[in-house]
Amino acid sequence: MNALDAVATPPRGRPLATIDLDRTLIYSAAAIAEGAPDNAAAAALSATARCVEIYDGRPQSFMSPAAMALLSELVGVAEVVPTTTRTMEQYRRITLPIGTPRFAITSNGGNILVDGVPDVAWSRRVADLLGTLAVGVDAVFERLEADAAGAPWLRTMRIADGLFCYVVVELDLLPPQVVPAWASWAAERGWNVSRQGRKIYVMPDPVTKQLAVDEVTTRLVNRPSSSYAAGDGVLDQPMLVGADAAIRPRHGELEELGWRHSNVAVTEGRGLAASEEMLTWLLTRAGTMVDADEPDKSALAPQMLGAGDEVLRSSTIDRSIPNEGLR
């Protein structure tokens, strides 16, 4: 390469790895042993799993020691971005073995945290996008409430971070026409509905995890040399398809739907075993793209907000929204 080529070609940054949390990276007590061959193996998994989230004084989410070690290794070779539909406060209950990541995406792309602090400029952009819709989140909630209030199948109904709605239901009592009716109503107004197990999400069409991932990509001084993603749910689909390559576990909503894509690998294992397999897959691919002799140049671009625009991180955990309601 001559000197002119060196000037014309911008240096590449580290690979980007965007990773969903619940049932991809972290698991509830009930999900730990999914896929275990027998009760003894299930008990062994539960005994060795390490708690990464406490909720109402009780252990809530877990990782395996191997997965924790793999994640710690991954951050050494890639820009790891936790990417979740959880609210900001729900996300902050989690203690990952990598400290506070430079970027995290919460609220299904509705919020970007930079060094743990909500990015105000991104919040303004999201608010502008929501303002283009035919109806706002309050009107969506009112529509859901008209059908769900007092219904025997309703367990929880909330507005999350002022951005979208979710409903937790008793599936065996849910009338079959409810979700299609909501989906038809929402589609005409710029929203979409998905049912993932007992959880029904009503999301604004313009705001997705992938939209936030694209924004994070622009915030890096050097564009990532490659991008990888991992996730298990319908709401992860744009992120999985949008990456250079991706992987999903052999469990979760996408598995139940039988969803396949040429860009997305599928694990052999389920439960905690799948998390280890996905992290190994990410590490193998990200690690092969990094020059070990080249220093990490993926610092924040100088376009970041000034201190006057920052929103201070609250130390108060929002316990009004049960963890089961969100991914």
C-alpha atoms as a PDB file:
ATOM      1  CA  MET A   1       0.000   0.000   0.000  1.00  0.00           C
ATOM      2  CA  ASN A   2       1.437   3.412  -0.938  1.00  0.00           C
ATOM      3  CA  ALA A   3       1.176   6.583   1.148  1.00  0.00           C
ATOM      4  CA  LEU A   4      -1.753   7.919  -0.880  1.00  0.00           C
ATOM      5  CA  ASP A   5      -3.771   4.769  -0.261  1.00  0.00           C
ATOM      6  CA  ALA A   6      -3.055   4.999   3.432  1.00  0.00           C
ATOM      7  CA  VAL A   7      -4.467   8.516   3.546  1.00  0.00           C
ATOM      8  CA  ALA A   8      -7.502   7.710   1.395  1.00  0.00           C
ATOM      9  CA  THR A   9      -8.510   4.606   3.332  1.00  0.00           C
ATOM     10  CA  PRO A  10      -9.785   5.392   6.851  1.00  0.00           C
ATOM     11  CA  PRO A  11      -8.563   3.039   9.567  1.00  0.00           C
ATOM     12  CA  ARG A  12     -10.993   0.366  10.631  1.00  0.00           C
ATOM     13  CA  GLY A  13     -12.247   0.125  14.175  1.00  0.00           C
ATOM     14  CA  ARG A  14     -12.872  -2.981  16.220  1.00  0.00           C
ATOM     15  CA  PRO A  15     -15.738  -5.316  15.286  1.00  0.00           C
ATOM     16  CA  LEU A  16     -19.139  -4.404  16.698  1.00  0.00           C
ATOM     17  CA  ALA A  17     -21.076  -7.028  18.679  1.00  0.00           C
ATOM     18  CA  THR A  18     -24.664  -6.216  19.622  1.00  0.00           C
ATOM     19  CA  ILE A  19     -26.144  -8.733  22.044  1.00  0.00           C
ATOM     20  CA  ASP A  20     -29.690  -9.139  23.304  1.00  0.00           C
ATOM     21  CA  LEU A  21     -29.955  -9.856  27.026  1.00  0.00           C
ATOM     22  CA  ASP A  22     -32.863 -11.978  28.265  1.00  0.00           C
ATOM     23  CA  ARG A  23     -32.687 -15.591  27.040  1.00  0.00           C
ATOM     24  CA  THR A  24     -29.670 -14.701  24.912  1.00  0.00           C
ATOM     25  CA  LEU A  25     -27.016 -13.572  27.371  1.00  0.00           C
ATOM     26  CA  ILE A  26     -28.808 -13.864  30.726  1.00  0.00           C
ATOM     27  CA  TYR A  27     -31.422 -16.339  31.936  1.00  0.00           C
ATOM     28  CA  SER A  28     -34.109 -16.564  34.599  1.00  0.00           C
ATOM     29  CA  ALA A  29     -33.995 -19.390  37.118  1.00  0.00           C
ATOM     30  CA  ALA A  30     -36.672 -21.217  35.137  1.00  0.00           C
ATOM     31  CA  ALA A  31     -34.736 -20.896  31.860  1.00  0.00           C
ATOM     32  CA  ILE A  32     -31.318 -21.913  33.162  1.00  0.00           C
ATOM     33  CA  ALA A  33     -31.800 -25.626  32.643  1.00  0.00           C
ATOM     34  CA  GLU A  34     -33.638 -25.476  29.337  1.00  0.00           C
ATOM     35  CA  GLY A  35     -32.221 -28.202  27.166  1.00  0.00           C
ATOM     36  CA  ALA A  36     -30.545 -30.057  30.026  1.00  0.00           C
ATOM     37  CA  PRO A  37     -30.615 -33.814  29.284  1.00  0.00           C
ATOM     38  CA  ASP A  38     -31.799 -34.848  32.748  1.00  0.00           C
ATOM     39  CA  ASN A  39     -32.617 -33.598  36.234  1.00  0.00           C
ATOM     40  CA  ALA A  40     -29.063 -34.109  37.464  1.00  0.00           C
ATOM     41  CA  ALA A  41     -27.665 -31.948  34.681  1.00  0.00           C
ATOM     42  CA  ALA A  42     -30.316 -29.326  35.311  1.00  0.00           C
ATOM     43  CA  ALA A  43     -29.452 -29.249  39.014  1.00  0.00           C
ATOM     44  CA  ALA A  44     -25.759 -28.889  38.199  1.00  0.00           C
ATOM     45  CA  LEU A  45     -26.437 -25.928  35.917  1.00  0.00           C
ATOM     46  CA  SER A  46     -28.539 -24.219  38.562  1.00  0.00           C
ATOM     47  CA  ALA A  47     -25.920 -24.822  41.232  1.00  0.00           C
ATOM     48  CA  THR A  48     -23.102 -23.227  39.259  1.00  0.00           C
ATOM     49  CA  ALA A  49     -25.007 -20.345  37.634  1.00  0.00           C
ATOM     50  CA  ARG A  50     -24.024 -16.906  38.897  1.00  0.00           C
ATOM     51  CA  CYS A  51     -26.571 -14.222  39.672  1.00  0.00           C
ATOM     52  CA  VAL A  52     -26.277 -11.007  37.618  1.00  0.00           C
ATOM     53  CA  GLU A  53     -29.568  -9.372  38.656  1.00  0.00           C
ATOM     54  CA  ILE A  54     -31.372  -8.888  41.946  1.00  0.00           C
ATOM     55  CA  TYR A  55     -35.037  -7.817  41.906  1.00  0.00           C
ATOM     56  CA  ASP A  56     -37.017  -7.141  45.069  1.00  0.00           C
ATOM     57  CA  GLY A  57     -34.254  -8.765  47.069  1.00  0.00           C
ATOM     58  CA  ARG A  58     -34.353 -12.019  45.099  1.00  0.00           C
ATOM     59  CA  PRO A  59     -31.985 -13.398  42.453  1.00  0.00           C
ATOM     60  CA  GLN A  60     -33.597 -12.786  39.089  1.00  0.00           C
ATOM     61  CA  SER A  61     -31.177 -13.449  36.216  1.00  0.00           C
ATOM     62  CA  PHE A  62     -28.111 -15.625  35.810  1.00  0.00           C
ATOM     63  CA  MET A  63     -25.113 -16.409  33.625  1.00  0.00           C
ATOM     64  CA  SER A  64     -22.847 -19.422  33.610  1.00  0.00           C
ATOM     65  CA  PRO A  65     -19.225 -18.941  34.739  1.00  0.00           C
ATOM     66  CA  ALA A  66     -18.097 -19.939  31.249  1.00  0.00           C
ATOM     67  CA  ALA A  67     -20.358 -17.346  29.615  1.00  0.00           C
ATOM     68  CA  MET A  68     -19.068 -14.658  31.971  1.00  0.00           C
ATOM     69  CA  ALA A  69     -15.482 -15.512  31.054  1.00  0.00           C
ATOM     70  CA  LEU A  70     -16.275 -15.531  27.329  1.00  0.00           C
ATOM     71  CA  LEU A  71     -18.029 -12.156  27.543  1.00  0.00           C
ATOM     72  CA  SER A  72     -15.064 -10.675  29.388  1.00  0.00           C
ATOM     73  CA  GLU A  73     -12.795 -11.977  26.644  1.00  0.00           C
ATOM     74  CA  LEU A  74     -15.076 -10.645  23.910  1.00  0.00           C
ATOM     75  CA  VAL A  75     -14.865  -7.050  25.149  1.00  0.00           C
ATOM     76  CA  GLY A  76     -11.122  -7.276  24.634  1.00  0.00           C
ATOM     77  CA  VAL A  77     -11.506  -7.689  20.880  1.00  0.00           C
ATOM     78  CA  ALA A  78     -14.882  -6.108  20.043  1.00  0.00           C
ATOM     79  CA  GLU A  79     -17.121  -3.159  20.859  1.00  0.00           C
ATOM     80  CA  VAL A  80     -19.796  -4.998  22.852  1.00  0.00           C
ATOM     81  CA  VAL A  81     -23.183  -3.269  23.020  1.00  0.00           C
ATOM     82  CA  PRO A  82     -25.889  -4.804  25.241  1.00  0.00           C
ATOM     83  CA  THR A  83     -29.123  -4.331  23.293  1.00  0.00           C
ATOM     84  CA  THR A  84     -32.451  -4.924  25.021  1.00  0.00           C
ATOM     85  CA  THR A  85     -36.151  -4.162  25.119  1.00  0.00           C
ATOM     86  CA  ARG A  86     -35.862  -3.653  28.861  1.00  0.00           C
ATOM     87  CA  THR A  87     -36.426  -0.159  30.202  1.00  0.00           C
ATOM     88  CA  MET A  88     -33.412   1.807  31.364  1.00  0.00           C
ATOM     89  CA  GLU A  89     -34.080   1.057  35.016  1.00  0.00           C
ATOM     90  CA  GLN A  90     -34.610  -2.635  34.371  1.00  0.00           C
ATOM     91  CA  TYR A  91     -31.340  -2.727  32.450  1.00  0.00           C
ATOM     92  CA  ARG A  92     -29.526  -1.047  35.323  1.00  0.00           C
ATOM     93  CA  ARG A  93     -30.468  -3.860  37.666  1.00  0.00           C
ATOM     94  CA  ILE A  94     -28.120  -6.123  35.716  1.00  0.00           C
ATOM     95  CA  THR A  95     -24.448  -6.365  36.674  1.00  0.00           C
ATOM     96  CA  LEU A  96     -22.509  -7.742  33.733  1.00  0.00           C
ATOM     97  CA  PRO A  97     -18.900  -8.855  34.230  1.00  0.00           C
ATOM     98  CA  ILE A  98     -17.670  -6.091  31.907  1.00  0.00           C
ATOM     99  CA  GLY A  99     -18.445  -3.020  33.993  1.00  0.00           C
ATOM    100  CA  THR A 100     -20.361  -0.174  32.368  1.00  0.00           C
ATOM    101  CA  PRO A 101     -20.113  -0.577  28.592  1.00  0.00           C
ATOM    102  CA  ARG A 102     -19.382   2.451  26.479  1.00  0.00           C
ATOM    103  CA  PHE A 103     -22.738   2.021  24.746  1.00  0.00           C
ATOM    104  CA  ALA A 104     -25.919   0.193  25.695  1.00  0.00           C
ATOM    105  CA  ILE A 105     -29.248   0.190  23.871  1.00  0.00           C
ATOM    106  CA  THR A 106     -32.460  -0.122  25.886  1.00  0.00           C
ATOM    107  CA  SER A 107     -36.190   0.283  25.331  1.00  0.00           C
ATOM    108  CA  ASN A 108     -35.996  -1.582  21.998  1.00  0.00           C
ATOM    109  CA  GLY A 109     -33.817   1.172  20.561  1.00  0.00           C
ATOM    110  CA  GLY A 110     -35.689   4.036  22.212  1.00  0.00           C
ATOM    111  CA  ASN A 111     -32.757   4.921  24.459  1.00  0.00           C
ATOM    112  CA  ILE A 112     -28.994   4.839  24.032  1.00  0.00           C
ATOM    113  CA  LEU A 113     -26.856   4.943  27.155  1.00  0.00           C
ATOM    114  CA  VAL A 114     -23.373   6.378  26.758  1.00  0.00           C
ATOM    115  CA  ASP A 115     -21.145   5.344  29.668  1.00  0.00           C
ATOM    116  CA  GLY A 116     -24.364   4.629  31.560  1.00  0.00           C
ATOM    117  CA  VAL A 117     -25.957   8.022  30.843  1.00  0.00           C
ATOM    118  CA  PRO A 118     -29.022   8.460  28.572  1.00  0.00           C
ATOM    119  CA  ASP A 119     -28.116  10.311  25.406  1.00  0.00           C
ATOM    120  CA  VAL A 120     -30.372  13.350  25.172  1.00  0.00           C
ATOM    121  CA  ALA A 121     -29.795  13.956  21.461  1.00  0.00           C
ATOM    122  CA  TRP A 122     -30.946  10.428  20.656  1.00  0.00           C
ATOM    123  CA  SER A 123     -34.001  10.811  22.886  1.00  0.00           C
ATOM    124  CA  ARG A 124     -34.921  13.964  20.971  1.00  0.00           C
ATOM    125  CA  ARG A 125     -34.590  12.153  17.661  1.00  0.00           C
ATOM    126  CA  VAL A 126     -36.803   9.324  18.907  1.00  0.00           C
ATOM    127  CA  ALA A 127     -39.367  11.830  20.167  1.00  0.00           C
ATOM    128  CA  ASP A 128     -39.389  13.447  16.718  1.00  0.00           C
ATOM    129  CA  LEU A 129     -39.969  10.058  15.089  1.00  0.00           C
ATOM    130  CA  LEU A 130     -42.834   9.267  17.464  1.00  0.00           C
ATOM    131  CA  GLY A 131     -44.317  12.657  16.685  1.00  0.00           C
ATOM    132  CA  THR A 132     -44.786  11.635  13.054  1.00  0.00           C
ATOM    133  CA  LEU A 133     -47.166   8.812  13.974  1.00  0.00           C
ATOM    134  CA  ALA A 134     -50.922   9.078  13.709  1.00  0.00           C
ATOM    135  CA  VAL A 135     -51.337   8.398  17.439  1.00  0.00           C
ATOM    136  CA  GLY A 136     -49.067   8.586  20.466  1.00  0.00           C
ATOM    137  CA  VAL A 137     -48.312   6.005  23.112  1.00  0.00           C
ATOM    138  CA  ASP A 138     -51.068   7.275  25.428  1.00  0.00           C
ATOM    139  CA  ALA A 139     -53.686   6.691  22.743  1.00  0.00           C
ATOM    140  CA  VAL A 140     -52.278   3.218  22.139  1.00  0.00           C
ATOM    141  CA  PHE A 141     -52.531   2.429  25.840  1.00  0.00           C
ATOM    142  CA  GLU A 142     -56.122   3.665  25.935  1.00  0.00           C
ATOM    143  CA  ARG A 143     -56.994   1.382  23.029  1.00  0.00           C
ATOM    144  CA  LEU A 144     -55.471  -1.625  24.773  1.00  0.00           C
ATOM    145  CA  GLU A 145     -57.113  -0.712  28.047  1.00  0.00           C
ATOM    146  CA  ALA A 146     -60.532  -0.577  26.418  1.00  0.00           C
ATOM    147  CA  ASP A 147     -60.253  -4.306  25.706  1.00  0.00           C
ATOM    148  CA  ALA A 148     -58.105  -5.450  28.608  1.00  0.00           C
ATOM    149  CA  ALA A 149     -59.295  -3.580  31.704  1.00  0.00           C
ATOM    150  CA  GLY A 150     -60.909  -6.071  34.057  1.00  0.00           C
ATOM    151  CA  ALA A 151     -60.430  -8.981  31.660  1.00  0.00           C
ATOM    152  CA  PRO A 152     -59.654 -12.313  33.339  1.00  0.00           C
ATOM    153  CA  TRP A 153     -56.731 -12.834  30.986  1.00  0.00           C
ATOM    154  CA  LEU A 154     -54.948  -9.573  31.912  1.00  0.00           C
ATOM    155  CA  ARG A 155     -51.968  -9.814  34.226  1.00  0.00           C
ATOM    156  CA  THR A 156     -50.037  -6.574  33.625  1.00  0.00           C
ATOM    157  CA  MET A 157     -50.353  -3.605  31.278  1.00  0.00           C
ATOM    158  CA  ARG A 158     -47.788  -0.797  31.157  1.00  0.00           C
ATOM    159  CA  ILE A 159     -46.253   2.036  29.183  1.00  0.00           C
ATOM    160  CA  ALA A 160     -42.491   1.488  29.068  1.00  0.00           C
ATOM    161  CA  ASP A 161     -40.182   4.516  29.200  1.00  0.00           C
ATOM    162  CA  GLY A 162     -42.938   6.581  27.577  1.00  0.00           C
ATOM    163  CA  LEU A 163     -42.158   4.830  24.290  1.00  0.00           C
ATOM    164  CA  PHE A 164     -44.239   1.682  23.828  1.00  0.00           C
ATOM    165  CA  CYS A 165     -46.825  -0.520  25.524  1.00  0.00           C
ATOM    166  CA  TYR A 166     -46.729  -4.074  26.717  1.00  0.00           C
ATOM    167  CA  VAL A 167     -49.317  -6.428  28.122  1.00  0.00           C
ATOM    168  CA  VAL A 168     -48.681  -9.645  30.060  1.00  0.00           C
ATOM    169  CA  VAL A 169     -51.539 -12.105  29.702  1.00  0.00           C
ATOM    170  CA  GLU A 170     -52.742 -15.534  30.786  1.00  0.00           C
ATOM    171  CA  LEU A 171     -52.508 -17.359  27.488  1.00  0.00           C
ATOM    172  CA  ASP A 172     -55.072 -20.022  28.295  1.00  0.00           C
ATOM    173  CA  LEU A 173     -57.682 -17.289  28.911  1.00  0.00           C
ATOM    174  CA  LEU A 174     -56.748 -14.930  26.062  1.00  0.00           C
ATOM    175  CA  PRO A 175     -59.473 -14.818  23.366  1.00  0.00           C
ATOM    176  CA  PRO A 176     -57.966 -15.605  19.956  1.00  0.00           C
ATOM    177  CA  GLN A 177     -59.312 -12.426  18.354  1.00  0.00           C
ATOM    178  CA  VAL A 178     -57.619  -9.950  20.730  1.00  0.00           C
ATOM    179  CA  VAL A 179     -54.099  -9.859  19.270  1.00  0.00           C
ATOM    180  CA  PRO A 180     -55.213  -9.771  15.596  1.00  0.00           C
ATOM    181  CA  ALA A 181     -57.628  -6.944  16.408  1.00  0.00           C
ATOM    182  CA  TRP A 182     -54.910  -4.941  18.128  1.00  0.00           C
ATOM    183  CA  ALA A 183     -52.488  -5.631  15.281  1.00  0.00           C
ATOM    184  CA  SER A 184     -54.960  -4.415  12.657  1.00  0.00           C
ATOM    185  CA  TRP A 185     -55.724  -1.251  14.626  1.00  0.00           C
ATOM    186  CA  ALA A 186     -52.042  -0.542  15.272  1.00  0.00           C
ATOM    187  CA  ALA A 187     -50.876  -1.149  11.692  1.00  0.00           C
ATOM    188  CA  GLU A 188     -53.145   1.619  10.418  1.00  0.00           C
ATOM    189  CA  ARG A 189     -51.525   4.062  12.831  1.00  0.00           C
ATOM    190  CA  GLY A 190     -47.812   3.323  12.473  1.00  0.00           C
ATOM    191  CA  TRP A 191     -47.464   0.766  15.258  1.00  0.00           C
ATOM    192  CA  ASN A 192     -46.922  -2.977  15.272  1.00  0.00           C
ATOM    193  CA  VAL A 193     -47.975  -5.806  17.569  1.00  0.00           C
ATOM    194  CA  SER A 194     -46.113  -8.985  18.401  1.00  0.00           C
ATOM    195  CA  ARG A 195     -46.906 -11.707  20.887  1.00  0.00           C
ATOM    196  CA  GLN A 196     -43.928 -13.414  22.446  1.00  0.00           C
ATOM    197  CA  GLY A 197     -45.102 -16.025  24.885  1.00  0.00           C
ATOM    198  CA  ARG A 198     -47.299 -14.322  27.462  1.00  0.00           C
ATOM    199  CA  LYS A 199     -46.033 -10.879  26.465  1.00  0.00           C
ATOM    200  CA  ILE A 200     -47.734  -8.710  23.887  1.00  0.00           C
ATOM    201  CA  TYR A 201     -45.750  -5.699  22.684  1.00  0.00           C
ATOM    202  CA  VAL A 202     -47.131  -2.709  20.815  1.00  0.00           C
ATOM    203  CA  MET A 203     -44.164  -0.908  19.293  1.00  0.00           C
ATOM    204  CA  PRO A 204     -43.771   2.215  17.135  1.00  0.00           C
ATOM    205  CA  ASP A 205     -42.712   1.256  13.620  1.00  0.00           C
ATOM    206  CA  PRO A 206     -39.906   3.851  13.282  1.00  0.00           C
ATOM    207  CA  VAL A 207     -38.013   2.855  16.449  1.00  0.00           C
ATOM    208  CA  THR A 208     -36.094  -0.429  16.449  1.00  0.00           C
ATOM    209  CA  LYS A 209     -32.952  -1.892  17.938  1.00  0.00           C
ATOM    210  CA  GLN A 210     -31.302  -1.713  14.515  1.00  0.00           C
ATOM    211  CA  LEU A 211     -32.002   2.020  14.247  1.00  0.00           C
ATOM    212  CA  ALA A 212     -30.106   2.531  17.494  1.00  0.00           C
ATOM    213  CA  VAL A 213     -27.326   0.183  16.374  1.00  0.00           C
ATOM    214  CA  ASP A 214     -26.881   2.302  13.246  1.00  0.00           C
ATOM    215  CA  GLU A 215     -26.578   5.377  15.452  1.00  0.00           C
ATOM    216  CA  VAL A 216     -24.002   3.744  17.716  1.00  0.00           C
ATOM    217  CA  THR A 217     -21.990   2.829  14.628  1.00  0.00           C
ATOM    218  CA  THR A 218     -21.770   6.511  13.673  1.00  0.00           C
ATOM    219  CA  ARG A 219     -20.573   7.403  17.169  1.00  0.00           C
ATOM    220  CA  LEU A 220     -17.356   5.436  16.807  1.00  0.00           C
ATOM    221  CA  VAL A 221     -14.331   7.348  15.521  1.00  0.00           C
ATOM    222  CA  ASN A 222     -13.475   4.498  13.179  1.00  0.00           C
ATOM    223  CA  ARG A 223     -16.231   2.516  11.518  1.00  0.00           C
ATOM    224  CA  PRO A 224     -16.308  -1.078  12.813  1.00  0.00           C
ATOM    225  CA  SER A 225     -14.431  -3.537  10.643  1.00  0.00           C
ATOM    226  CA  SER A 226     -17.411  -5.887  10.889  1.00  0.00           C
ATOM    227  CA  SER A 227     -20.669  -6.269  12.789  1.00  0.00           C
ATOM    228  CA  TYR A 228     -22.149  -9.268  14.593  1.00  0.00           C
ATOM    229  CA  ALA A 229     -25.349  -9.772  16.540  1.00  0.00           C
ATOM    230  CA  ALA A 230     -27.085 -12.291  18.778  1.00  0.00           C
ATOM    231  CA  GLY A 231     -30.726 -12.441  19.850  1.00  0.00           C
ATOM    232  CA  ASP A 232     -33.675 -14.784  20.292  1.00  0.00           C
ATOM    233  CA  GLY A 233     -36.832 -12.738  19.744  1.00  0.00           C
ATOM    234  CA  VAL A 234     -38.954 -11.268  16.992  1.00  0.00           C
ATOM    235  CA  LEU A 235     -37.858  -7.790  18.033  1.00  0.00           C
ATOM    236  CA  ASP A 236     -34.250  -8.831  17.362  1.00  0.00           C
ATOM    237  CA  GLN A 237     -34.892  -9.719  13.710  1.00  0.00           C
ATOM    238  CA  PRO A 238     -33.859  -6.374  12.148  1.00  0.00           C
ATOM    239  CA  MET A 239     -30.664  -6.376  14.218  1.00  0.00           C
ATOM    240  CA  LEU A 240     -29.822  -9.952  13.263  1.00  0.00           C
ATOM    241  CA  VAL A 241     -30.457  -9.390   9.571  1.00  0.00           C
ATOM    242  CA  GLY A 242     -28.688  -6.025   9.595  1.00  0.00           C
ATOM    243  CA  ALA A 243     -25.396  -7.410  10.923  1.00  0.00           C
ATOM    244  CA  ASP A 244     -22.669  -8.838   8.722  1.00  0.00           C
ATOM    245  CA  ALA A 245     -23.408 -12.152  10.436  1.00  0.00           C
ATOM    246  CA  ALA A 246     -25.516 -13.168  13.398  1.00  0.00           C
ATOM    247  CA  ILE A 247     -26.520 -16.065  15.599  1.00  0.00           C
ATOM    248  CA  ARG A 248     -29.614 -17.012  17.553  1.00  0.00           C
ATOM    249  CA  PRO A 249     -30.276 -19.703  20.150  1.00  0.00           C
ATOM    250  CA  ARG A 250     -32.231 -22.877  19.544  1.00  0.00           C
ATOM    251  CA  HIS A 251     -34.925 -21.584  21.878  1.00  0.00           C
ATOM    252  CA  GLY A 252     -37.119 -18.504  22.178  1.00  0.00           C
ATOM    253  CA  GLU A 253     -39.645 -16.859  19.899  1.00  0.00           C
ATOM    254  CA  LEU A 254     -37.678 -17.184  16.666  1.00  0.00           C
ATOM    255  CA  GLU A 255     -37.157 -20.886  17.281  1.00  0.00           C
ATOM    256  CA  GLU A 256     -40.852 -21.366  18.031  1.00  0.00           C
ATOM    257  CA  LEU A 257     -41.700 -19.615  14.772  1.00  0.00           C
ATOM    258  CA  GLY A 258     -39.189 -21.745  12.875  1.00  0.00           C
ATOM    259  CA  TRP A 259     -37.531 -18.565  11.595  1.00  0.00           C
ATOM    260  CA  ARG A 260     -34.417 -19.030   9.485  1.00  0.00           C
ATOM    261  CA  HIS A 261     -32.237 -16.585   7.580  1.00  0.00           C
ATOM    262  CA  SER A 262     -29.131 -17.138   5.489  1.00  0.00           C
ATOM    263  CA  ASN A 263     -27.305 -14.529   7.581  1.00  0.00           C
ATOM    264  CA  VAL A 264     -28.177 -16.088  10.943  1.00  0.00           C
ATOM    265  CA  ALA A 265     -26.598 -19.190  12.460  1.00  0.00           C
ATOM    266  CA  VAL A 266     -28.476 -21.294  15.022  1.00  0.00           C
ATOM    267  CA  THR A 267     -26.911 -22.894  18.101  1.00  0.00           C
ATOM    268  CA  GLU A 268     -26.955 -26.586  18.770  1.00  0.00           C
ATOM    269  CA  GLY A 269     -27.646 -26.120  22.475  1.00  0.00           C
ATOM    270  CA  ARG A 270     -30.413 -24.420  24.408  1.00  0.00           C
ATOM    271  CA  GLY A 271     -30.520 -22.475  27.668  1.00  0.00           C
ATOM    272  CA  LEU A 272     -27.199 -21.602  29.283  1.00  0.00           C
ATOM    273  CA  ALA A 273     -25.403 -23.874  26.835  1.00  0.00           C
ATOM    274  CA  ALA A 274     -26.688 -21.714  23.987  1.00  0.00           C
ATOM    275  CA  SER A 275     -25.346 -18.545  25.589  1.00  0.00           C
ATOM    276  CA  GLU A 276     -21.876 -20.062  25.791  1.00  0.00           C
ATOM    277  CA  GLU A 277     -22.128 -21.245  22.191  1.00  0.00           C
ATOM    278  CA  MET A 278     -23.204 -17.812  20.946  1.00  0.00           C
ATOM    279  CA  LEU A 279     -20.404 -16.033  22.812  1.00  0.00           C
ATOM    280  CA  THR A 280     -17.868 -18.504  21.445  1.00  0.00           C
ATOM    281  CA  TRP A 281     -19.235 -17.879  17.941  1.00  0.00           C
ATOM    282  CA  LEU A 282     -18.975 -14.091  18.423  1.00  0.00           C
ATOM    283  CA  LEU A 283     -15.503 -14.334  19.893  1.00  0.00           C
ATOM    284  CA  THR A 284     -14.256 -16.542  17.074  1.00  0.00           C
ATOM    285  CA  ARG A 285     -15.483 -14.158  14.405  1.00  0.00           C
ATOM    286  CA  ALA A 286     -14.617 -10.895  16.127  1.00  0.00           C
ATOM    287  CA  GLY A 287     -11.244 -12.186  17.229  1.00  0.00           C
ATOM    288  CA  THR A 288     -10.196 -13.126  13.718  1.00  0.00           C
ATOM    289  CA  MET A 289     -10.889  -9.574  12.540  1.00  0.00           C
ATOM    290  CA  VAL A 290      -8.611  -7.779  15.017  1.00  0.00           C
ATOM    291  CA  ASP A 291      -4.921  -7.021  14.617  1.00  0.00           C
ATOM    292  CA  ALA A 292      -3.513  -7.781  18.043  1.00  0.00           C
ATOM    293  CA  ASP A 293      -0.656  -5.317  17.472  1.00  0.00           C
ATOM    294  CA  GLU A 294      -2.971  -2.420  16.639  1.00  0.00           C
ATOM    295  CA  PRO A 295      -4.264  -0.334  19.548  1.00  0.00           C
ATOM    296  CA  ASP A 296      -7.995   0.109  20.097  1.00  0.00           C
ATOM    297  CA  LYS A 297      -9.049   3.229  18.209  1.00  0.00           C
ATOM    298  CA  SER A 298     -12.800   2.905  18.749  1.00  0.00           C
ATOM    299  CA  ALA A 299     -13.062   5.980  20.938  1.00  0.00           C
ATOM    300  CA  LEU A 300     -16.160   8.145  20.942  1.00  0.00           C
ATOM    301  CA  ALA A 301     -16.441  10.563  18.077  1.00  0.00           C
ATOM    302  CA  PRO A 302     -16.194  14.220  19.077  1.00  0.00           C
ATOM    303  CA  GLN A 303     -19.886  14.778  18.235  1.00  0.00           C
ATOM    304  CA  MET A 304     -20.995  13.607  21.690  1.00  0.00           C
ATOM    305  CA  LEU A 305     -23.147  15.867  23.852  1.00  0.00           C
ATOM    306  CA  GLY A 306     -21.657  18.313  26.291  1.00  0.00           C
ATOM    307  CA  ALA A 307     -21.957  17.915  30.021  1.00  0.00           C
ATOM    308  CA  GLY A 308     -24.803  20.413  30.111  1.00  0.00           C
ATOM    309  CA  ASP A 309     -26.987  18.072  28.074  1.00  0.00           C
ATOM    310  CA  GLU A 310     -26.410  14.997  30.176  1.00  0.00           C
ATOM    311  CA  VAL A 311     -29.148  13.405  32.221  1.00  0.00           C
ATOM    312  CA  LEU A 312     -27.833  12.160  35.533  1.00  0.00           C
ATOM    313  CA  ARG A 313     -28.270   8.475  36.154  1.00  0.00           C
ATOM    314  CA  SER A 314     -30.844   7.843  38.848  1.00  0.00           C
ATOM    315  CA  SER A 315     -29.955   5.549  41.706  1.00  0.00           C
ATOM    316  CA  THR A 316     -33.635   4.711  42.220  1.00  0.00           C
ATOM    317  CA  ILE A 317     -34.753   1.408  40.742  1.00  0.00           C
ATOM    318  CA  ASP A 318     -38.143   1.565  39.057  1.00  0.00           C
ATOM    319  CA  ARG A 319     -39.904  -1.328  40.730  1.00  0.00           C
ATOM    320  CA  SER A 320     -43.302  -0.396  39.314  1.00  0.00           C
ATOM    321  CA  ILE A 321     -42.575  -2.356  36.135  1.00  0.00           C
ATOM    322  CA  PRO A 322     -42.133  -6.071  36.814  1.00  0.00           C
ATOM    323  CA  ASN A 323     -39.200  -7.658  35.062  1.00  0.00           C
ATOM    324  CA  GLU A 324     -41.373 -10.360  33.531  1.00  0.00           C
ATOM    325  CA  GLY A 325     -43.075  -7.783  31.357  1.00  0.00           C
ATOM    326  CA  LEU A 326     -40.085  -6.953  29.212  1.00  0.00           C
ATOM    327  CA  ARG A 327     -37.215  -8.643  27.467  1.00  0.00           C
END
